[in-house]
Protein backbone atom coordinates (compact mmCIF):
# COMPACT_ATOMS: atom_id res chain seq x y z
CA MET A 1 101.75 125.37 138.39
CA ASP A 2 102.55 121.80 139.46
CA GLY A 3 101.77 119.33 136.67
CA ASN A 4 100.39 116.89 139.24
CA PHE A 5 97.65 119.37 140.16
CA MET A 6 95.58 117.78 137.42
CA TYR A 7 94.66 115.09 139.91
CA GLY A 8 92.71 117.64 141.93
CA GLN A 9 89.19 118.90 141.22
CA PHE A 10 88.79 120.80 137.97
CA GLY A 11 86.74 123.47 139.70
CA GLU A 12 89.46 124.10 142.25
CA LEU A 13 92.05 124.42 139.49
CA LEU A 14 89.78 126.83 137.58
CA LYS A 15 89.34 129.00 140.66
CA LYS A 16 93.10 129.12 141.32
CA HIS A 17 93.81 130.18 137.73
CA ARG A 18 91.10 132.84 137.87
CA MET A 19 92.37 134.27 141.15
CA LYS A 20 95.94 134.16 139.88
CA ARG A 21 94.81 136.37 136.96
CA GLY A 22 93.02 138.70 139.39
CA ALA A 23 89.65 138.25 137.64
CA THR A 24 86.21 138.00 139.14
CA GLN A 25 83.75 135.40 137.91
CA ARG A 26 81.92 138.18 136.01
CA GLN A 27 85.15 139.38 134.39
CA LEU A 28 86.09 135.84 133.35
CA ALA A 29 82.60 135.37 131.94
CA ASP A 30 83.04 138.49 129.81
CA LEU A 31 86.49 137.39 128.64
CA SER A 32 85.48 133.82 127.81
CA THR A 33 81.83 134.36 126.70
CA VAL A 34 80.89 131.57 129.13
CA SER A 35 78.02 132.45 131.47
CA VAL A 36 78.68 133.53 135.05
CA ARG A 37 76.43 130.74 136.25
CA ALA A 38 78.45 128.10 134.36
CA ILE A 39 81.72 129.36 135.86
CA ARG A 40 80.17 129.51 139.32
CA ASP A 41 78.82 125.96 139.00
CA LEU A 42 82.16 124.61 137.76
CA GLU A 43 84.10 126.20 140.61
CA ALA A 44 81.58 124.93 143.16
CA GLY A 45 81.66 121.43 141.73
CA ARG A 46 77.97 121.49 140.81
CA ALA A 47 78.89 121.00 137.14
CA SER A 48 81.21 118.02 137.19
CA ARG A 49 81.57 117.20 133.47
CA PRO A 50 82.71 120.37 131.63
CA ARG A 51 82.17 120.37 127.88
CA ARG A 52 85.17 120.57 125.61
CA ASP A 53 84.16 123.88 124.01
CA THR A 54 83.48 125.37 127.45
CA VAL A 55 86.93 124.39 128.68
CA ARG A 56 88.56 125.88 125.59
CA LEU A 57 86.69 129.18 125.92
CA ILE A 58 87.61 129.48 129.61
CA ALA A 59 91.25 128.64 128.87
CA ASP A 60 91.31 131.33 126.21
CA GLY A 61 89.77 133.79 128.64
CA LEU A 62 92.42 132.95 131.22
CA ARG A 63 95.12 133.16 128.52
CA LEU A 64 96.48 129.75 129.46
CA SER A 65 99.27 128.28 127.36
CA GLY A 66 101.99 125.70 127.54
CA ARG A 67 101.99 123.50 130.60
CA GLU A 68 99.23 125.46 132.30
CA LEU A 69 96.93 124.77 129.37
CA THR A 70 97.96 121.10 129.29
CA THR A 71 97.19 120.50 132.96
CA PHE A 72 93.96 122.50 132.75
CA GLU A 73 92.64 120.46 129.81
CA ALA A 74 93.81 117.22 131.45
CA ALA A 75 91.92 118.02 134.63
CA ALA A 76 88.81 118.68 132.55
CA MET A 77 89.29 115.36 130.73
CA ARG A 78 89.59 113.57 134.07
CA ALA A 79 86.40 115.23 135.27
CA ARG A 80 84.66 113.80 132.20
CA GLY A 81 85.97 110.32 133.01
CA GLY A 82 89.16 110.46 130.95
CA VAL A 83 92.46 108.75 131.71
CA GLU A 84 94.48 110.04 134.65
CA ILE A 85 98.00 110.60 133.41
CA ASP A 86 100.98 112.79 134.11
CA LEU A 87 100.99 115.08 131.11
CA ALA A 88 104.49 116.39 131.62
CA PRO A 89 107.01 113.63 130.88
CA ASP A 90 110.49 114.94 130.25
CA LEU A 91 110.74 114.20 126.54
CA ALA A 92 114.50 114.70 126.55
CA ALA A 93 114.75 111.84 129.07
CA VAL A 94 112.83 109.40 126.84
CA PRO A 95 115.20 108.63 123.93
CA PRO A 96 114.36 105.96 121.35
CA PRO A 97 115.74 102.47 122.10
CA ALA A 98 119.39 101.94 121.30
CA ALA A 99 120.41 99.45 118.62
CA LEU A 100 122.04 96.32 120.04
CA ASP A 101 123.73 95.15 116.86
CA VAL A 102 124.96 96.30 113.45
CA LEU A 103 122.25 96.66 110.84
CA VAL A 104 123.07 94.50 107.81
CA GLY A 105 121.90 95.20 104.28
CA ARG A 106 119.47 98.03 104.95
CA ASP A 107 121.38 101.13 103.84
CA ALA A 108 118.93 101.86 101.01
CA GLU A 109 115.88 101.44 103.24
CA VAL A 110 117.33 103.67 105.97
CA ALA A 111 118.13 106.40 103.45
CA SER A 112 114.66 106.11 101.93
CA LEU A 113 112.88 106.44 105.26
CA LEU A 114 115.03 109.38 106.34
CA ALA A 115 114.18 111.11 103.06
CA LEU A 116 110.47 110.36 103.49
CA LEU A 117 110.49 111.84 106.99
CA GLY A 118 112.55 114.86 106.01
CA GLU A 119 111.39 118.34 105.16
CA GLY A 120 108.84 118.24 102.38
CA GLY A 121 108.35 114.50 102.82
CA SER A 122 105.45 112.44 104.10
CA ARG A 123 103.92 113.14 107.50
CA LEU A 124 102.32 109.69 107.75
CA VAL A 125 104.53 106.68 107.02
CA ALA A 126 103.89 102.99 107.69
CA VAL A 127 106.48 100.21 107.36
CA THR A 128 104.76 96.89 106.71
CA GLY A 129 105.99 93.33 106.29
CA LEU A 130 106.00 89.79 107.65
CA PRO A 131 107.09 88.99 111.22
CA GLY A 132 110.87 88.72 111.31
CA VAL A 133 111.53 90.90 108.26
CA GLY A 134 113.13 93.55 110.49
CA LYS A 135 110.59 96.37 110.70
CA THR A 136 111.43 97.29 114.29
CA ARG A 137 115.20 97.07 113.75
CA LEU A 138 114.94 99.34 110.71
CA VAL A 139 112.85 101.91 112.54
CA VAL A 140 115.19 101.79 115.57
CA GLU A 141 118.04 102.71 113.21
CA VAL A 142 116.09 105.58 111.64
CA ALA A 143 114.89 106.89 115.00
CA GLY A 144 118.41 106.71 116.41
CA ARG A 145 119.82 108.72 113.53
CA LEU A 146 117.12 111.37 113.83
CA HIS A 147 117.65 111.57 117.58
CA GLY A 148 121.42 111.72 117.25
CA SER A 149 121.34 114.44 114.61
CA GLY A 150 119.04 116.62 116.68
CA THR A 151 116.90 117.38 113.63
CA ALA A 152 113.73 116.13 115.34
CA ARG A 153 112.53 115.04 118.75
CA VAL A 154 111.70 111.32 118.60
CA LEU A 155 108.80 110.02 120.69
CA TRP A 156 108.86 106.21 120.85
CA ASP A 157 105.88 104.04 121.80
CA ALA A 158 106.05 100.25 121.45
CA ALA A 159 103.29 97.70 121.86
CA THR A 160 105.31 96.00 124.58
CA ALA A 161 104.69 97.70 127.90
CA PRO A 162 107.55 99.81 129.29
CA ALA A 163 108.80 99.41 132.82
CA PRO A 164 106.40 100.86 135.41
CA GLY A 165 106.95 104.53 136.06
CA GLY A 166 109.37 106.89 134.38
CA GLY A 167 109.04 109.08 131.34
CA ALA A 168 108.50 106.21 128.87
CA ALA A 169 105.50 104.89 130.81
CA ARG A 170 104.00 108.38 131.15
CA LEU A 171 104.53 109.08 127.47
CA ARG A 172 102.84 105.81 126.55
CA LEU A 173 99.76 106.67 128.61
CA LEU A 174 99.62 110.06 126.97
CA VAL A 175 99.96 108.63 123.45
CA HIS A 176 97.29 106.00 124.01
CA SER A 177 94.81 108.42 125.50
CA ALA A 178 95.41 110.66 122.48
CA LEU A 179 95.03 108.07 119.73
CA ALA A 180 92.53 105.56 121.08
CA VAL A 181 88.91 105.75 119.92
CA ALA A 182 86.78 107.95 122.19
CA GLU A 183 83.12 108.86 121.94
CA ASP A 184 83.68 112.56 122.47
CA GLY A 185 86.62 112.73 120.05
CA GLU A 186 88.92 114.23 122.68
CA GLY A 187 92.28 113.20 124.04
CA TRP A 188 94.79 114.28 121.40
CA GLU A 189 94.80 117.92 122.57
CA ALA A 190 97.04 117.19 125.56
CA LEU A 191 99.66 115.40 123.45
CA ALA A 192 99.46 118.14 120.85
CA THR A 193 100.09 120.73 123.54
CA LEU A 194 103.08 118.81 124.85
CA ILE A 195 104.59 118.51 121.36
CA GLY A 196 103.80 122.14 120.54
CA ASP A 197 105.61 123.51 117.51
CA ARG A 198 108.62 121.21 117.86
CA GLU A 199 109.94 119.21 114.93
CA ALA A 200 108.99 115.73 116.11
CA VAL A 201 108.54 112.15 114.93
CA LEU A 202 106.13 109.91 116.82
CA VAL A 203 107.04 106.23 116.33
CA LEU A 204 104.38 103.58 116.97
CA ASP A 205 105.99 100.15 116.89
CA GLY A 206 104.31 96.76 116.76
CA HIS A 207 100.74 97.76 117.50
CA ASP A 208 97.61 96.08 116.18
CA PRO A 209 96.95 97.05 112.52
CA ALA A 210 93.60 98.54 113.56
CA TRP A 211 95.34 101.03 115.90
CA PRO A 212 95.61 103.99 116.00
CA ASP A 213 92.19 105.32 115.13
CA PRO A 214 92.66 107.08 111.75
CA ASP A 215 90.54 110.10 112.68
CA ARG A 216 92.51 110.68 115.88
CA ALA A 217 95.84 110.31 114.08
CA LEU A 218 94.79 112.79 111.42
CA ALA A 219 93.56 115.24 114.05
CA LEU A 220 96.91 115.06 115.82
CA VAL A 221 99.08 115.66 112.74
CA HIS A 222 96.71 118.39 111.57
CA HIS A 223 97.06 120.19 114.89
CA CYS A 224 100.85 119.64 115.14
CA ARG A 225 102.12 120.99 111.85
CA ARG A 226 105.69 119.80 112.39
CA LEU A 227 104.85 116.31 113.63
CA ARG A 228 105.42 113.16 111.57
CA LEU A 229 103.93 109.78 112.43
CA LEU A 230 105.97 106.64 111.68
CA ARG A 231 104.56 103.21 112.50
CA THR A 232 105.30 99.55 111.90
CA THR A 233 102.44 97.22 111.09
CA ARG A 234 101.73 93.76 109.70
CA GLY A 235 98.50 94.92 108.12
CA SER A 236 97.81 96.98 105.04
CA ARG A 237 95.05 99.19 106.48
CA PRO A 238 96.50 102.64 105.88
CA ILE A 239 95.53 105.91 107.46
CA PRO A 240 94.23 108.25 104.72
CA GLY A 241 97.22 109.94 103.11
CA GLU A 242 99.70 107.50 104.64
CA ARG A 243 102.74 106.36 102.65
CA VAL A 244 102.99 102.57 103.00
CA VAL A 245 106.48 101.10 102.64
CA ALA A 246 106.60 97.31 102.14
CA LEU A 247 109.88 96.13 103.68
CA PRO A 248 111.35 93.27 101.59
CA PRO A 249 113.57 90.50 102.97
CA LEU A 250 117.34 90.87 102.74
CA THR A 251 119.01 90.17 99.43
CA PRO A 252 120.64 86.71 99.20
CA GLY A 253 124.13 88.14 99.67
CA HIS A 254 123.22 90.15 102.75
CA ALA A 255 121.17 87.24 104.15
CA ALA A 256 124.13 84.88 103.85
CA ARG A 257 126.40 87.48 105.45
CA LEU A 258 124.02 87.91 108.39
CA LEU A 259 123.62 84.17 108.95
CA HIS A 260 127.39 83.62 108.92
CA ARG A 261 127.79 86.45 111.41
CA LEU A 262 125.11 84.95 113.66
CA ALA A 263 126.88 81.60 113.39
CA GLY A 264 130.16 83.22 114.42
CA LEU A 265 131.88 82.28 111.16
CA PRO A 266 134.17 84.83 109.49
CA ASP A 267 133.98 83.03 106.16
CA GLU A 268 130.74 83.83 104.34
CA THR A 269 130.90 81.03 101.79
CA ASP A 270 129.70 77.94 103.66
CA PRO A 271 127.42 76.40 101.00
CA ALA A 272 125.02 74.89 103.51
CA LEU A 273 124.46 78.21 105.29
CA VAL A 274 124.11 80.04 101.98
CA GLU A 275 121.29 77.68 101.03
CA VAL A 276 119.69 77.94 104.48
CA ALA A 277 119.63 81.73 104.11
CA GLU A 278 118.04 81.42 100.68
CA ARG A 279 115.38 78.92 101.79
CA LEU A 280 114.47 81.20 104.70
CA ASP A 281 114.02 84.09 102.27
CA GLY A 282 116.50 86.36 104.01
CA LEU A 283 114.11 87.12 106.87
CA PRO A 284 116.43 88.35 109.66
CA GLY A 285 114.20 86.91 112.39
CA ALA A 286 114.13 83.52 110.67
CA LEU A 287 117.92 83.59 110.24
CA GLU A 288 118.35 84.29 113.96
CA ALA A 289 116.05 81.38 114.76
CA ALA A 290 117.99 79.06 112.43
CA ALA A 291 121.35 80.15 113.86
CA SER A 292 120.22 79.10 117.34
CA TRP A 293 120.18 75.47 116.10
CA LEU A 294 123.90 75.57 115.28
CA VAL A 295 124.79 74.89 118.92
CA VAL A 296 123.55 71.32 118.40
CA HIS A 297 123.70 70.82 114.61
CA ARG A 298 126.33 71.19 111.93
CA PRO A 299 125.40 73.50 109.02
CA GLU A 300 124.69 70.47 106.81
CA GLU A 301 122.31 69.01 109.38
CA LEU A 302 120.57 72.37 109.77
CA LEU A 303 120.11 72.52 106.00
CA ASP A 304 118.43 69.09 106.06
CA LEU A 305 115.98 70.35 108.69
CA VAL A 306 115.21 73.47 106.67
CA ARG A 307 114.67 71.46 103.51
CA ALA A 308 112.21 69.21 105.37
CA ASP A 309 110.17 71.99 107.03
CA PRO A 310 111.56 75.53 107.18
CA LEU A 311 108.66 76.88 109.25
CA ASP A 312 109.17 74.20 111.89
CA VAL A 313 112.83 75.20 112.25
CA VAL A 314 111.93 78.80 113.12
CA ALA A 315 108.73 78.08 115.07
CA ASP A 316 110.22 78.34 118.56
CA ARG A 317 111.80 81.76 117.94
CA LEU A 318 109.28 83.12 115.43
CA PRO A 319 105.96 81.39 116.20
CA GLU A 320 103.84 84.10 114.61
CA LEU A 321 105.37 83.65 111.15
CA ARG A 322 103.29 80.62 110.17
CA ASP A 323 100.07 82.30 111.31
CA SER A 324 100.92 85.46 109.38
CA LEU A 325 101.63 83.48 106.22
CA ASP A 326 98.43 81.50 106.76
CA HIS A 327 96.45 84.72 107.04
CA ALA A 328 98.12 86.32 104.01
CA LEU A 329 97.57 83.21 101.88
CA SER A 330 93.95 82.78 102.94
CA ASP A 331 92.77 85.29 100.33
CA VAL A 332 95.17 84.22 97.58
CA ASP A 333 94.58 81.43 95.08
CA GLY A 334 97.15 78.75 95.88
CA ALA A 335 97.34 77.74 92.23
CA VAL A 336 98.48 81.26 91.35
CA ILE A 337 101.27 81.07 93.92
CA ALA A 338 102.24 77.66 92.57
CA ALA A 339 102.32 78.94 89.00
CA LEU A 340 104.63 81.85 89.77
CA ALA A 341 107.88 79.92 89.73
CA GLY A 342 111.32 81.50 89.65
CA ASP A 343 111.61 85.18 88.73
CA TRP A 344 108.74 86.75 86.82
CA SER A 345 107.37 90.11 85.70
CA VAL A 346 103.87 91.53 85.96
CA VAL A 347 103.36 90.64 82.29
CA ASP A 348 104.39 87.03 83.00
CA ALA A 349 102.01 86.86 85.96
CA ALA A 350 99.14 88.34 83.93
CA ARG A 351 99.59 85.69 81.27
CA LEU A 352 99.81 82.84 83.78
CA ALA A 353 96.78 84.06 85.75
CA ASP A 354 94.91 84.98 82.56
CA VAL A 355 94.00 88.47 83.82
CA PRO A 356 94.59 91.96 82.35
CA PRO A 357 98.00 93.48 83.17
CA VAL A 358 96.44 96.33 85.18
CA ALA A 359 94.50 93.91 87.36
CA CYS A 360 97.63 91.79 87.74
CA ALA A 361 99.66 94.83 88.80
CA ARG A 362 97.15 95.43 91.57
CA LEU A 363 97.50 91.79 92.64
CA VAL A 364 101.29 91.99 92.70
CA ARG A 365 101.14 95.18 94.75
CA ARG A 366 98.84 93.46 97.22
CA LEU A 367 101.19 90.47 97.44
CA LEU A 368 104.08 92.84 98.11
CA LEU A 369 102.19 94.52 100.96
CA LEU A 370 101.29 91.11 102.38
CA GLY A 371 104.96 90.12 102.22
CA LEU A 372 104.36 87.10 99.97
CA VAL A 373 106.57 88.28 97.11
CA ARG A 374 109.79 90.25 96.92
CA PRO A 375 111.34 92.44 94.21
CA VAL A 376 114.49 90.97 92.66
CA GLY A 377 115.42 93.84 90.34
CA ASP A 378 114.62 94.91 86.77
CA ASP A 379 110.86 94.93 87.42
CA ARG A 380 110.89 91.27 88.35
CA PHE A 381 109.57 89.53 91.42
CA ARG A 382 109.75 86.21 93.25
CA VAL A 383 107.33 84.41 95.58
CA LEU A 384 108.86 83.74 98.99
CA ALA A 385 110.12 80.19 99.41
CA LEU A 386 108.30 80.00 102.76
CA ALA A 387 105.01 80.95 101.10
CA ARG A 388 105.57 78.36 98.38
CA ALA A 389 106.42 75.68 100.95
CA LEU A 390 103.22 76.39 102.88
CA THR A 391 101.20 76.45 99.67
CA ALA A 392 102.71 73.14 98.52
CA SER A 393 101.56 71.45 101.71
CA ARG A 394 97.95 72.38 100.86
CA LEU A 395 97.82 71.65 97.15
CA PRO A 396 96.29 68.38 95.93
CA VAL A 397 98.79 65.60 95.42
CA GLY A 398 100.05 65.59 91.87
CA LEU A 399 99.64 69.32 91.22
CA PRO A 400 103.14 70.59 90.36
CA LEU A 401 104.40 73.47 92.45
CA ASP A 402 106.81 74.70 89.80
CA ALA A 403 104.59 75.29 86.78
CA SER A 404 106.57 75.97 83.65
CA ARG A 405 106.51 79.29 81.86
CA ASP A 406 108.05 80.71 78.73
CA SER A 407 109.88 83.86 79.72
């Protein structure tokens, strides 16, 4: 059966399947428990919006499976006003995007994600973090390794629109019709049929934090027992049961190494670039933005610009960073950020904020998910320099940014 037949009338497709099986309308009614009149009306086009349960019963009666079932359900969805899509993209022809550079300083994160997505791991995983922290690049690496190993089929859907036509565009239409909110709760069945019982990872990259609809995502992974859903997001609104991984910035050593590489310098000890990397918190996107200035500035001049206003230096390449920090800081007491100077523990923070340690632990976890603090080892944390710089610009004159602490 041609997959493009779905664009025809549902009733015509029903009649062709019935005749192919050599069944009369009465025989199909007995097999499906759907009334003869309903089948007659559907084939004649008098019933133009078949109910979901009716379609399923008829499909069972016709013993449809695989692609036949997919196209049959899609034609019914179209008859109800659903999205017209080609439900048979060649998944083997839609590989995940290829990495364009070497991934620096993320070996531990790659290994952790691969373990999470492995057998016995989590079926719902979200990687969260600030713009420029490298969520997409990390997930590209993980998806590429899964694809290359052949352990799982990787389905990739990014917020940026693919080129018109081709398997990637068809897959995107299918994914969005499956996971978008719909009044009748349908849409995921076609994608579930396409995936079948394959070991697969569906990657959703860069979408709005409110998407996908949690109920639709849960329905899909419930129906596809070997499917795992991996997404990148800037928000902290998890799907029930989802494992949220807060991606930290690069360590100072790896950040300096990346910036020197971007600057085309083999020596990784230029003191000005080392400080630039530190003041930009090791955010790979921010380091790329800073490196672009080196065509007109010496490293020392770039450092002066970063010291004056680090967010302004990266604004042309990473304009969304300031807005994301603004949003994250909007619900956080600026005085608390100001008080958390240097490296500190949860106990230190609880004492400075004068709150119980348990409540403070919740606050620190929230700050981690928002990307405002980073772990620095041995159960200690540090507020991002960019967050502190933005906070300092809002505090009343005379309020010290670096409050002292005894620890």
